[in-house]
Protein backbone atom coordinates (compact mmCIF):
# COMPACT_ATOMS: atom_id res chain seq x y z
CA UNK A 1 -0.51 0.05 -0.17
CA UNK A 2 0.89 3.44 -0.47
CA UNK A 3 2.78 6.26 2.65
CA UNK A 4 -0.37 7.35 4.61
CA UNK A 5 -0.02 9.28 7.24
CA UNK A 6 -0.39 9.21 11.04
CA UNK A 7 -3.28 11.67 10.76
CA UNK A 8 -4.90 8.79 8.57
CA UNK A 9 -3.82 6.08 9.75
CA UNK A 10 -5.58 7.79 13.24
CA UNK A 11 -8.63 8.41 11.43
CA UNK A 12 -8.57 4.73 9.31
CA UNK A 13 -7.86 3.80 13.00
CA UNK A 14 -10.97 4.90 14.77
CA UNK A 15 -13.21 3.35 11.33
CA UNK A 16 -11.74 -0.55 11.70
CA UNK A 17 -12.09 -0.82 15.45
CA UNK A 18 -14.98 0.37 15.27
CA UNK A 19 -15.80 -2.49 12.63
CA UNK A 20 -14.44 -4.90 14.44
CA UNK A 21 -16.24 -3.89 18.01
CA UNK A 22 -19.92 -3.85 16.12
CA UNK A 23 -19.13 -7.53 15.02
CA UNK A 24 -17.03 -8.95 18.30
CA UNK A 25 -20.38 -7.18 20.16
CA UNK A 26 -22.78 -9.05 17.40
CA UNK A 27 -21.86 -12.43 18.71
CA UNK A 28 -23.08 -12.25 22.60
CA UNK A 29 -25.17 -8.88 22.39
CA UNK A 30 -28.15 -10.44 21.37
CA UNK A 31 -27.78 -13.50 24.22
CA UNK A 32 -29.41 -11.26 27.06
CA UNK A 33 -32.14 -10.25 25.35
CA UNK A 34 -33.60 -13.78 23.89
CA UNK A 35 -36.14 -13.98 26.35
CA UNK A 36 -37.35 -11.16 25.36
CA UNK A 37 -37.23 -11.54 21.49
CA UNK A 38 -39.06 -15.02 22.62
CA UNK A 39 -42.28 -13.82 23.64
CA UNK A 40 -42.40 -10.04 21.00
CA UNK A 41 -42.32 -12.80 18.20
CA UNK A 42 -44.52 -15.85 19.80
CA UNK A 43 -42.27 -18.34 19.49
CA UNK A 44 -40.55 -21.24 21.68
CA UNK A 45 -37.00 -21.33 23.71
CA UNK A 46 -35.84 -23.62 20.97
CA UNK A 47 -36.88 -21.48 18.05
CA UNK A 48 -35.76 -18.46 19.32
CA UNK A 49 -32.02 -19.69 20.24
CA UNK A 50 -31.86 -20.22 15.94
CA UNK A 51 -31.06 -16.32 16.09
CA UNK A 52 -27.50 -17.33 17.62
CA UNK A 53 -27.29 -20.21 15.59
CA UNK A 54 -28.59 -18.89 12.05
CA UNK A 55 -25.52 -15.96 12.67
CA UNK A 56 -22.92 -17.56 13.92
CA UNK A 57 -23.10 -21.17 10.65
CA UNK A 58 -23.43 -17.82 8.25
CA UNK A 59 -20.46 -16.02 9.45
CA UNK A 60 -18.37 -19.93 9.47
CA UNK A 61 -19.23 -20.92 6.03
CA UNK A 62 -18.66 -17.01 4.48
CA UNK A 63 -14.63 -16.71 6.82
CA UNK A 64 -13.41 -19.74 4.24
CA UNK A 65 -13.36 -17.87 0.76
CA UNK A 66 -12.77 -14.54 1.91
CA UNK A 67 -8.90 -14.57 1.10
CA UNK A 68 -10.17 -15.26 -2.84
CA UNK A 69 -12.50 -12.75 -2.35
CA UNK A 70 -9.95 -9.74 -1.05
CA UNK A 71 -7.29 -10.82 -3.69
CA UNK A 72 -10.16 -10.66 -6.71
CA UNK A 73 -12.12 -7.98 -5.78
CA UNK A 74 -9.65 -6.09 -4.11
CA UNK A 75 -9.93 -5.87 0.06
CA UNK A 76 -11.48 -1.55 0.68
CA UNK A 77 -14.32 -2.80 -1.45
CA UNK A 78 -15.03 -6.14 0.20
CA UNK A 79 -14.09 -4.22 3.77
CA UNK A 80 -17.17 -1.05 2.61
CA UNK A 81 -19.87 -3.66 0.93
CA UNK A 82 -19.47 -6.11 4.13
CA UNK A 83 -20.03 -3.21 6.56
CA UNK A 84 -22.66 -1.72 5.52
CA UNK A 85 -24.24 -4.80 4.48
CA UNK A 86 -24.10 -5.89 7.73
CA UNK A 87 -25.21 -2.37 8.93
CA UNK A 88 -28.19 -2.60 6.86
CA UNK A 89 -28.57 -6.33 8.13
CA UNK A 90 -28.32 -5.05 11.75
CA UNK A 91 -31.84 -2.29 10.70
CA UNK A 92 -34.13 -5.54 9.32
CA UNK A 93 -33.06 -7.88 12.13
CA UNK A 94 -34.35 -4.30 14.92
CA UNK A 95 -37.62 -4.71 12.79
CA UNK A 96 -38.69 -8.58 12.55
CA UNK A 97 -41.66 -9.70 12.99
CA UNK A 98 -41.25 -12.97 13.27
CA UNK A 99 -38.87 -15.76 14.23
CA UNK A 100 -38.56 -16.71 10.53
CA UNK A 101 -37.45 -12.94 9.46
CA UNK A 102 -35.77 -12.83 12.19
CA UNK A 103 -33.82 -16.03 11.50
CA UNK A 104 -33.40 -14.74 7.93
CA UNK A 105 -31.68 -11.32 8.70
CA UNK A 106 -29.62 -13.03 10.97
CA UNK A 107 -28.06 -15.15 8.41
CA UNK A 108 -27.77 -12.39 5.59
CA UNK A 109 -26.38 -10.04 9.02
CA UNK A 110 -22.99 -13.40 9.20
CA UNK A 111 -22.46 -13.51 6.76
CA UNK A 112 -21.15 -9.97 5.61
CA UNK A 113 -19.95 -10.38 9.70
CA UNK A 114 -18.12 -12.76 8.66
CA UNK A 115 -15.30 -10.29 7.08
CA UNK A 116 -15.42 -7.79 9.34
CA UNK A 117 -12.99 -9.16 12.12
CA UNK A 118 -10.16 -10.49 10.02
CA UNK A 119 -10.57 -7.85 7.37
CA UNK A 120 -9.72 -5.61 10.59
CA UNK A 121 -6.64 -7.01 11.48
CA UNK A 122 -5.01 -7.51 8.60
CA UNK A 123 -5.71 -3.36 7.28
CA UNK A 124 -4.36 -2.72 10.56
CA UNK A 125 -0.74 -4.74 9.94
CA UNK A 126 -0.86 -3.27 6.64
CA UNK A 127 -1.30 0.89 8.12
CA UNK A 128 0.96 0.96 10.32
CA UNK A 129 4.86 -0.03 9.62
CA UNK A 130 6.41 -3.23 11.16
CA UNK A 131 8.09 -1.87 14.37
CA UNK A 132 4.87 -0.99 15.36
CA UNK A 133 2.59 -4.28 14.52
CA UNK A 134 3.09 -4.84 17.80
CA UNK A 135 1.30 -1.60 19.31
CA UNK A 136 -1.59 -2.43 17.01
CA UNK A 137 -2.44 -6.29 17.16
CA UNK A 138 -3.09 -4.87 21.50
CA UNK A 139 -5.20 -2.50 19.86
CA UNK A 140 -7.31 -4.50 17.49
CA UNK A 141 -7.06 -7.14 20.39
CA UNK A 142 -8.38 -4.99 22.69
CA UNK A 143 -11.37 -4.44 20.07
CA UNK A 144 -12.00 -8.69 19.94
CA UNK A 145 -12.07 -8.49 23.32
CA UNK A 146 -14.55 -6.06 24.43
CA UNK A 147 -17.06 -7.35 22.62
CA UNK A 148 -17.30 -9.86 24.92
CA UNK A 149 -16.99 -7.53 28.12
CA UNK A 150 -19.87 -5.25 26.52
CA UNK A 151 -22.31 -7.34 24.76
CA UNK A 152 -23.99 -8.87 27.53
CA UNK A 153 -24.44 -5.23 29.42
CA UNK A 154 -24.83 -2.60 27.02
CA UNK A 155 -27.79 -5.71 25.93
CA UNK A 156 -28.93 -5.59 29.36
CA UNK A 157 -28.51 -1.47 29.08
CA UNK A 158 -30.83 -1.26 26.41
CA UNK A 159 -33.23 -3.86 26.05
CA UNK A 160 -34.16 -2.92 29.41
CA UNK A 161 -35.03 1.60 28.90
CA UNK A 162 -35.74 0.76 25.30
CA UNK A 163 -36.49 -2.31 23.26
CA UNK A 164 -34.40 -5.26 22.31
CA UNK A 165 -34.48 -4.46 18.42
CA UNK A 166 -31.85 -1.56 19.38
CA UNK A 167 -29.24 -4.56 20.33
CA UNK A 168 -30.08 -3.89 16.06
CA UNK A 169 -30.09 -0.50 16.40
CA UNK A 170 -27.20 0.37 18.02
CA UNK A 171 -25.07 -0.64 14.99
CA UNK A 172 -26.57 2.46 12.40
CA UNK A 173 -24.17 5.62 13.19
CA UNK A 174 -21.33 3.52 13.92
CA UNK A 175 -21.96 1.14 10.91
CA UNK A 176 -22.03 4.99 9.42
CA UNK A 177 -19.24 6.71 10.83
CA UNK A 178 -17.25 3.19 9.34
CA UNK A 179 -18.52 2.62 5.76
CA UNK A 180 -17.65 6.74 5.42
CA UNK A 181 -14.67 6.03 6.98
CA UNK A 182 -13.48 3.19 5.04
CA UNK A 183 -14.30 5.40 2.00
CA UNK A 184 -11.73 7.96 2.37
CA UNK A 185 -9.26 6.83 4.26
CA UNK A 186 -8.28 3.57 2.78
CA UNK A 187 -6.64 2.73 -0.01
CA UNK A 188 -7.31 -0.27 -2.60
CA UNK A 189 -4.94 -3.44 -2.55
CA UNK A 190 -4.23 -4.51 -6.11
CA UNK A 191 -6.27 -7.34 -6.99
CA UNK A 192 -6.13 -10.38 -8.94
CA UNK A 193 -8.22 -12.57 -11.09
CA UNK A 194 -6.08 -15.75 -11.58
CA UNK A 195 -6.98 -16.61 -8.24
CA UNK A 196 -8.34 -20.46 -8.94
CA UNK A 197 -10.80 -21.25 -6.48
CA UNK A 198 -12.73 -24.46 -5.60
CA UNK A 199 -17.04 -23.22 -6.06
CA UNK A 200 -18.20 -27.18 -5.89
CA UNK A 201 -15.94 -27.37 -2.89
CA UNK A 202 -17.17 -24.23 -0.74
CA UNK A 203 -21.13 -25.46 -2.32
CA UNK A 204 -21.41 -28.97 -1.15
CA UNK A 205 -19.41 -28.19 2.60
CA UNK A 206 -22.10 -24.81 2.36
CA UNK A 207 -24.64 -28.34 1.93
CA UNK A 208 -23.47 -30.05 3.90
CA UNK A 209 -23.32 -27.68 7.43
CA UNK A 210 -26.56 -25.92 6.69
CA UNK A 211 -28.71 -29.14 6.00
CA UNK A 212 -27.29 -30.08 9.45
CA UNK A 213 -27.51 -27.04 12.29
CA UNK A 214 -31.72 -26.73 9.91
CA UNK A 215 -32.09 -30.63 10.65
CA UNK A 216 -30.43 -29.92 14.35
CA UNK A 217 -32.26 -26.55 15.28
CA UNK A 218 -35.62 -28.05 13.92
CA UNK A 219 -35.23 -32.05 15.41
CA UNK A 220 -36.99 -31.44 19.10
CA UNK A 221 -40.17 -29.64 16.80
CA UNK A 222 -40.14 -32.06 13.86
CA UNK A 223 -40.16 -35.34 16.37
CA UNK A 224 -36.79 -35.63 14.83
CA UNK A 225 -36.13 -37.88 11.88
CA UNK A 226 -40.64 -39.10 12.84
CA UNK A 227 -40.76 -36.62 10.34
CA UNK A 228 -40.28 -36.20 7.03
CA UNK A 229 -38.14 -32.75 7.00
CA UNK A 230 -35.85 -34.35 9.35
CA UNK A 231 -35.11 -36.77 7.35
CA UNK A 232 -34.84 -34.69 4.51
CA UNK A 233 -31.82 -32.68 6.08
CA UNK A 234 -30.43 -35.04 7.15
CA UNK A 235 -29.87 -37.06 3.18
CA UNK A 236 -28.82 -33.55 1.81
CA UNK A 237 -26.01 -33.24 5.19
CA UNK A 238 -24.89 -36.88 4.12
CA UNK A 239 -24.91 -35.55 0.37
CA UNK A 240 -23.13 -32.38 0.67
CA UNK A 241 -20.75 -34.25 3.00
CA UNK A 242 -19.70 -36.59 0.48
CA UNK A 243 -19.08 -34.44 -2.09
CA UNK A 244 -16.97 -32.53 -0.61
CA UNK A 245 -14.84 -35.26 0.96
CA UNK A 246 -14.72 -36.39 -3.10
CA UNK A 247 -13.79 -33.34 -4.24
CA UNK A 248 -10.80 -33.21 -1.63
CA UNK A 249 -9.78 -36.35 -2.31
CA UNK A 250 -9.96 -36.24 -5.71
CA UNK A 251 -9.53 -33.14 -6.99
CA UNK A 252 -6.21 -30.75 -7.90
CA UNK A 253 -7.63 -27.95 -6.04
CA UNK A 254 -9.62 -28.83 -3.45
CA UNK A 255 -11.66 -26.19 -1.11
CA UNK A 256 -9.88 -26.95 1.62
CA UNK A 257 -6.59 -29.14 0.65
CA UNK A 258 -6.36 -33.03 3.76
CA UNK A 259 -2.48 -32.25 3.52
CA UNK A 260 -3.36 -29.59 5.85
CA UNK A 261 -4.54 -32.64 8.46
CA UNK A 262 -0.95 -34.23 7.95
CA UNK A 263 0.20 -32.11 10.88
CA UNK A 264 -0.38 -33.80 14.06
CA UNK A 265 -0.43 -30.88 15.86
CA UNK A 266 -3.00 -28.56 14.16
CA UNK A 267 -5.26 -32.05 13.75
CA UNK A 268 -5.92 -32.95 17.23
CA UNK A 269 -6.21 -28.93 18.21
CA UNK A 270 -9.27 -29.27 15.78
CA UNK A 271 -10.88 -31.87 17.70
CA UNK A 272 -9.62 -30.06 20.44
CA UNK A 273 -11.52 -26.54 19.44
CA UNK A 274 -14.55 -27.92 18.31
CA UNK A 275 -14.99 -29.23 21.69
CA UNK A 276 -13.69 -25.32 23.41
CA UNK A 277 -16.62 -23.95 20.99
CA UNK A 278 -19.55 -26.36 22.31
CA UNK A 279 -18.62 -24.65 25.81
CA UNK A 280 -18.49 -20.87 24.48
CA UNK A 281 -22.42 -20.37 23.16
CA UNK A 282 -23.38 -23.33 24.16
CA UNK A 283 -22.80 -22.12 28.22
CA UNK A 284 -23.84 -18.53 27.51
CA UNK A 285 -27.01 -19.57 25.86
CA UNK A 286 -28.18 -21.50 29.03
CA UNK A 287 -27.42 -19.25 31.83
CA UNK A 288 -28.94 -16.31 30.05
CA UNK A 289 -32.72 -18.48 30.17
CA UNK A 290 -31.53 -19.83 34.01
CA UNK A 291 -30.56 -16.19 35.40
CA UNK A 292 -34.12 -14.63 34.02
CA UNK A 293 -36.39 -16.90 33.99
CA UNK A 294 -35.54 -18.96 37.03
CA UNK A 295 -34.37 -17.12 38.93
CA UNK A 296 -36.28 -13.68 37.73
CA UNK A 297 -33.29 -11.31 37.64
CA UNK A 298 -34.24 -8.01 35.35
CA UNK A 299 -31.94 -8.02 31.85
CA UNK A 300 -29.87 -5.30 33.19
CA UNK A 301 -28.68 -7.10 35.99
CA UNK A 302 -28.56 -10.55 34.36
CA UNK A 303 -26.90 -8.56 31.11
CA UNK A 304 -23.59 -7.30 34.26
CA UNK A 305 -23.97 -11.01 35.76
CA UNK A 306 -23.52 -12.36 32.20
CA UNK A 307 -20.26 -10.22 30.94
CA UNK A 308 -18.17 -10.97 34.04
CA UNK A 309 -17.51 -14.09 32.11
CA UNK A 310 -15.50 -11.72 29.60
CA UNK A 311 -13.80 -9.59 32.15
CA UNK A 312 -12.13 -13.67 33.21
CA UNK A 313 -11.04 -14.17 29.82
CA UNK A 314 -9.77 -10.63 29.07
CA UNK A 315 -7.53 -10.22 32.00
CA UNK A 316 -6.58 -14.43 31.24
CA UNK A 317 -4.97 -13.71 28.05
CA UNK A 318 -3.63 -10.73 29.53
CA UNK A 319 -1.83 -13.10 32.29
CA UNK A 320 -1.33 -15.61 28.45
CA UNK A 321 0.47 -12.95 26.60
CA UNK A 322 3.15 -12.51 29.76
CA UNK A 323 3.73 -16.56 30.51
CA UNK A 324 3.54 -16.63 26.40
CA UNK A 325 7.49 -18.39 25.74
CA UNK A 326 8.39 -19.47 28.89
CA UNK A 327 5.38 -22.15 30.04
CA UNK A 328 3.97 -24.61 27.75
CA UNK A 329 1.23 -24.55 25.86
CA UNK A 330 0.07 -27.66 27.05
CA UNK A 331 0.35 -26.46 30.79
CA UNK A 332 -1.96 -23.43 30.02
CA UNK A 333 -4.32 -25.15 27.82
CA UNK A 334 -4.79 -28.32 31.16
CA UNK A 335 -4.93 -24.96 33.66
CA UNK A 336 -8.32 -23.18 31.43
CA UNK A 337 -9.89 -26.36 31.04
CA UNK A 338 -9.57 -28.08 34.71
CA UNK A 339 -10.71 -24.58 35.77
CA UNK A 340 -13.82 -24.18 32.72
CA UNK A 341 -15.23 -28.05 33.96
CA UNK A 342 -14.76 -26.87 37.66
CA UNK A 343 -17.23 -24.23 36.95
CA UNK A 344 -19.69 -26.24 35.00
CA UNK A 345 -19.43 -29.00 37.47
CA UNK A 346 -20.43 -26.41 40.09
CA UNK A 347 -23.03 -24.93 37.78
CA UNK A 348 -25.22 -28.52 37.81
CA UNK A 349 -25.29 -27.44 41.56
CA UNK A 350 -27.15 -24.53 41.56
CA UNK A 351 -30.55 -22.79 42.21
CA UNK A 352 -32.97 -20.11 41.78
CA UNK A 353 -31.56 -19.50 45.45
CA UNK A 354 -28.00 -19.18 44.45
CA UNK A 355 -26.77 -16.01 44.97
CA UNK A 356 -25.49 -12.78 42.63
CA UNK A 357 -21.99 -12.75 44.18
CA UNK A 358 -21.52 -17.01 43.33
CA UNK A 359 -22.35 -16.69 39.31
CA UNK A 360 -20.38 -13.96 39.33
CA UNK A 361 -17.18 -15.65 40.78
CA UNK A 362 -18.42 -18.89 39.03
CA UNK A 363 -18.30 -17.20 36.25
CA UNK A 364 -15.17 -14.88 35.99
CA UNK A 365 -13.58 -18.41 36.77
CA UNK A 366 -15.21 -20.11 33.80
CA UNK A 367 -13.86 -16.81 31.43
CA UNK A 368 -10.45 -17.14 32.85
CA UNK A 369 -9.94 -20.94 32.04
CA UNK A 370 -11.57 -20.08 29.04
CA UNK A 371 -8.96 -17.39 28.12
CA UNK A 372 -5.94 -20.21 29.54
CA UNK A 373 -7.25 -22.10 27.03
CA UNK A 374 -7.57 -20.22 23.66
CA UNK A 375 -4.36 -18.47 22.79
CA UNK A 376 -2.01 -21.23 23.61
CA UNK A 377 -4.21 -23.97 21.73
CA UNK A 378 -3.84 -21.07 18.39
CA UNK A 379 0.01 -21.17 19.46
CA UNK A 380 -0.58 -25.78 19.37
CA UNK A 381 -2.20 -25.87 15.78
CA UNK A 382 -0.18 -23.42 14.18
CA UNK A 383 3.32 -23.58 15.27
CA UNK A 384 4.20 -27.00 13.04
CA UNK A 385 1.76 -26.06 10.46
CA UNK A 386 3.45 -24.91 7.32
CA UNK A 387 2.99 -21.58 5.94
CA UNK A 388 1.72 -21.61 2.76
CA UNK A 389 -2.04 -23.81 3.76
CA UNK A 390 -1.85 -21.71 6.82
CA UNK A 391 -4.60 -19.22 5.27
CA UNK A 392 -6.34 -22.84 5.20
CA UNK A 393 -5.77 -24.05 8.61
CA UNK A 394 -6.96 -19.88 9.40
CA UNK A 395 -10.02 -20.64 7.57
CA UNK A 396 -10.43 -24.42 8.60
CA UNK A 397 -10.02 -23.16 12.49
CA UNK A 398 -12.42 -20.21 12.37
CA UNK A 399 -14.98 -22.59 10.90
CA UNK A 400 -14.71 -25.27 13.38
CA UNK A 401 -15.28 -22.98 16.00
CA UNK A 402 -18.25 -21.67 15.13
CA UNK A 403 -19.20 -24.95 13.67
CA UNK A 404 -19.30 -26.46 17.11
CA UNK A 405 -20.93 -23.30 18.89
CA UNK A 406 -23.77 -24.12 16.36
CA UNK A 407 -24.01 -27.27 17.05
CA UNK A 408 -23.67 -26.85 20.87
CA UNK A 409 -26.31 -24.28 21.59
CA UNK A 410 -28.27 -26.80 19.03
CA UNK A 411 -28.10 -29.96 21.29
CA UNK A 412 -27.99 -28.29 24.43
CA UNK A 413 -31.40 -26.44 24.03
CA UNK A 414 -33.25 -29.33 22.31
CA UNK A 415 -32.29 -31.77 25.57
CA UNK A 416 -33.83 -29.31 27.90
CA UNK A 417 -36.82 -28.52 25.64
CA UNK A 418 -36.94 -32.25 26.43
CA UNK A 419 -35.97 -32.65 29.58
CA UNK A 420 -37.87 -30.50 30.65
CA UNK A 421 -41.41 -32.08 29.74
CA UNK A 422 -40.01 -35.49 30.91
CA UNK A 423 -38.84 -34.61 34.75
CA UNK A 424 -42.28 -32.02 34.56
CA UNK A 425 -44.55 -35.15 33.92
CA UNK A 426 -42.70 -37.16 36.41
CA UNK A 427 -42.73 -34.77 38.77
CA UNK A 428 -46.27 -34.41 38.20
CA UNK A 429 -47.13 -38.20 39.22
CA UNK A 430 -46.24 -37.20 42.43
CA UNK A 431 -49.11 -34.91 42.78
CA UNK A 432 -52.71 -35.92 43.77
CA UNK A 433 -54.81 -36.04 47.34
CA UNK A 434 -53.88 -39.44 48.03
CA UNK A 435 -49.64 -38.63 48.10
CA UNK A 436 -47.94 -38.30 51.92
CA UNK A 437 -46.69 -34.42 50.60
CA UNK A 438 -50.52 -33.26 49.80
CA UNK A 439 -51.28 -34.79 52.80
CA UNK A 440 -48.96 -32.88 54.98
CA UNK A 441 -50.84 -30.23 57.38
CA UNK A 442 -48.22 -26.95 56.61
CA UNK A 443 -48.82 -28.05 52.32
CA UNK A 444 -53.18 -28.39 53.24
CA UNK A 445 -53.16 -25.45 54.36
CA UNK A 446 -51.88 -23.42 51.62
CA UNK A 447 -52.47 -25.37 48.85
CA UNK A 448 -55.06 -27.58 47.89
CA UNK A 449 -56.16 -29.28 44.02
CA UNK A 450 -58.24 -26.97 43.25
CA UNK A 451 -58.38 -23.44 42.10
CA UNK A 452 -55.36 -21.37 43.04
CA UNK A 453 -53.72 -24.08 44.83
CA UNK A 454 -53.72 -26.03 41.47
CA UNK A 455 -52.46 -23.16 40.12
CA UNK A 456 -49.74 -22.81 42.82
CA UNK A 457 -48.84 -26.29 42.65
CA UNK A 458 -48.64 -26.24 38.65
CA UNK A 459 -45.80 -23.20 38.80
CA UNK A 460 -44.02 -25.34 41.29
CA UNK A 461 -43.56 -28.72 39.44
CA UNK A 462 -42.79 -26.23 36.30
CA UNK A 463 -39.76 -24.54 38.51
CA UNK A 464 -38.63 -27.78 39.71
CA UNK A 465 -38.87 -29.61 36.62
CA UNK A 466 -36.82 -26.61 34.54
CA UNK A 467 -33.85 -26.91 37.37
CA UNK A 468 -33.48 -30.66 37.18
CA UNK A 469 -32.86 -29.97 33.58
CA UNK A 470 -30.60 -27.17 33.60
CA UNK A 471 -28.57 -28.74 35.96
CA UNK A 472 -28.13 -31.94 33.63
CA UNK A 473 -27.67 -29.76 30.76
CA UNK A 474 -24.72 -28.71 32.84
CA UNK A 475 -23.89 -32.23 33.79
CA UNK A 476 -23.83 -33.38 30.01
CA UNK A 477 -21.71 -29.67 29.46
CA UNK A 478 -19.29 -31.13 31.96
CA UNK A 479 -18.84 -34.51 30.15
CA UNK A 480 -17.83 -32.58 27.43
CA UNK A 481 -15.02 -30.52 28.79
CA UNK A 482 -13.78 -33.50 30.36
CA UNK A 483 -13.89 -35.72 26.98
CA UNK A 484 -11.35 -33.36 25.65
CA UNK A 485 -8.41 -34.05 28.58
CA UNK A 486 -8.20 -37.16 26.32
CA UNK A 487 -6.53 -34.89 23.53
CA UNK A 488 -3.45 -33.02 26.02
CA UNK A 489 -1.46 -36.38 25.61
CA UNK A 490 -1.93 -36.54 22.40
CA UNK A 491 -0.35 -33.07 21.65
CA UNK A 492 3.51 -33.10 20.43
CA UNK A 493 5.66 -30.72 22.17
CA UNK A 494 5.89 -27.71 20.88
CA UNK A 495 8.63 -28.73 18.01
CA UNK A 496 9.20 -26.15 15.23
CA UNK A 497 9.15 -26.95 11.57
CA UNK A 498 12.20 -27.32 9.48
CA UNK A 499 10.94 -23.57 8.06
CA UNK A 500 10.29 -21.73 10.63
CA UNK A 501 6.54 -20.22 10.70
CA UNK A 502 5.93 -16.84 10.36
CA UNK A 503 5.98 -14.80 13.68
CA UNK A 504 1.85 -14.04 13.92
CA UNK A 505 1.37 -10.63 13.35
CA UNK A 506 3.25 -11.71 10.54
CA UNK A 507 0.94 -14.61 10.03
CA UNK A 508 -2.60 -12.84 10.46
CA UNK A 509 -1.05 -10.76 7.46
CA UNK A 510 -0.24 -13.67 5.36
CA UNK A 511 -3.92 -14.84 5.31
CA UNK A 512 -5.94 -12.13 3.94
CA UNK A 513 -3.68 -11.54 1.00
């Protein structure tokens, strides 16, 4: 790129960071408003979680072709189109009247939002000279980390003082400023028209992932494989993955080169990241309705409580930065995973009477655990990966993480909904005029099997069934986290490759060139 003045660099940095924060915010800001969306859009708990999974899946799929798109059309054009599209999609989400409209607009938001973070990182590396790139990446990292911290809190404040729709409307001024600033201050990059791209691989992978996600999202509602729709989606998913693998095995230039899996540590880390992806957002999808619906916290207070996990992650990543190169990354991953697993097990014992202090401590500790896992796991994954396939590795890495998150949300919510009904039925079997509990003097004086007394009993049974279902879900998440520990034993020592890998900032730069 041509020489840029310090003033232009500073203004462009502001615009780029607004795009980064917008995208990072939208991964968590909607969580706290989900119960309000559920009521406003007249939908069920498992359906309203499509608001999360649709965004994640779309972003995961569209991350893969970013390098080719930027090279083919130019980074500036791509960045402006994605920022404008993301802002427009946010406005459409804010005016959605049905769950179908909301899911469609969130898909659109994910399509455009997928490019914002990697493009912003590439631009920051472009406009800062080599001696200032460490500072540039520190600024960029702060923006990425502000999202998980600010998202639940800002979402709670907007929902409390306005409506949940302002969770999306808030992007408008920042989106407009970003588009204007990029158009004025950003320089265009050279383009190439001779770069091949496997559209067949991309489309078949998209079909496989999209159909799988639809099957998981709608399975509980449609009674799983008793429904022709679910059977059709399962067949389409299998067909998509089959043709994708066939293309990867036979094509000269597949969408994802299979030789990337020859790197043992990268392959093991991919499985590890899939599990971490499940823990990352599926836990948030469970905690949000638990705090608001069962514990009765107002939306703003629940936003503060949910935001504490981001604070823990922020401080953990700062600590990892200081320990990097001094401590074996496998030890840091082990410590982080142990802490995250422990907090999930503690959550199994949560009740509606659990204090806000306990929730905050658990959330901060879980955030610290996840923060201790992320950076060292990235180091392990890419330390020995050859430089010429690092771009493909970065795309696959993001895809697997997002896929883990979307699959995790779908499965835990489906399990939660099913268990609520099952436990309610089991508890209701013990409620009759002849049971010992209903004949106790203190119960007889407060409740009866008719009128308001029956309604009170129904409310109590529903609450206890929900508590049992959530406890079961947190226990399942604990076992999922435990399943990652054996993978640590399979990770080899941090041996350097024959040709040393690029520095992290250079690797990120290469991923967008």
